[in-house]
């Protein structure tokens, strides 16, 4: 299952990553990175 973008889904993404065997700190970093990616795509030139 792909991770969801946006601030509202950070907790859900952390749980998903930890369920797949990632350490807690790494899961948090991944979830925050994915949440930030959602913002960057919305910007227009």
Protein backbone atom coordinates (compact mmCIF):
# COMPACT_ATOMS: atom_id res chain seq x y z
CA UNK A 1 0.00 0.00 0.00
CA UNK A 2 1.49 3.38 -0.97
CA UNK A 3 1.91 6.02 1.69
CA UNK A 4 -0.61 8.85 1.77
CA UNK A 5 0.42 12.48 1.29
CA UNK A 6 -0.54 15.35 3.58
CA UNK A 7 -0.23 16.30 7.23
CA UNK A 8 -3.37 14.43 8.26
CA UNK A 9 -1.83 11.09 7.29
CA UNK A 10 1.51 11.29 9.10
CA UNK A 11 0.43 9.03 11.97
CA UNK A 12 -1.06 6.47 9.62
CA UNK A 13 2.12 6.44 7.52
CA UNK A 14 4.30 5.95 10.61
CA UNK A 15 2.21 2.94 11.66
CA UNK A 16 2.43 1.51 8.15
CA UNK A 17 6.21 1.81 8.02
CA UNK A 18 6.67 0.33 11.50
CA UNK A 19 4.43 -2.60 10.53
CA UNK A 20 6.81 -3.24 7.63
CA UNK A 21 9.75 -3.52 10.04
CA UNK A 22 11.29 -0.05 9.90
CA UNK A 23 12.78 1.43 13.10
CA UNK A 24 10.69 4.17 14.73
CA UNK A 25 12.99 7.09 13.84
CA UNK A 26 13.25 5.99 10.22
CA UNK A 27 9.47 5.55 9.96
CA UNK A 28 8.94 9.10 11.27
CA UNK A 29 11.46 10.52 8.79
CA UNK A 30 9.80 8.73 5.88
CA UNK A 31 6.31 9.85 6.92
CA UNK A 32 7.39 13.49 7.24
CA UNK A 33 9.16 13.35 3.89
CA UNK A 34 6.04 12.01 2.16
CA UNK A 35 3.89 14.69 3.82
CA UNK A 36 6.23 17.40 2.51
CA UNK A 37 6.20 15.96 -1.00
CA UNK A 38 2.47 16.62 -1.21
CA UNK A 39 3.07 20.34 -0.73
CA UNK A 40 5.80 20.60 -3.36
CA UNK A 41 3.65 19.15 -6.14
CA UNK A 42 0.92 21.78 -5.70
CA UNK A 43 3.23 24.72 -6.50
CA UNK A 44 2.96 26.21 -9.98
CA UNK A 45 5.66 27.97 -11.95
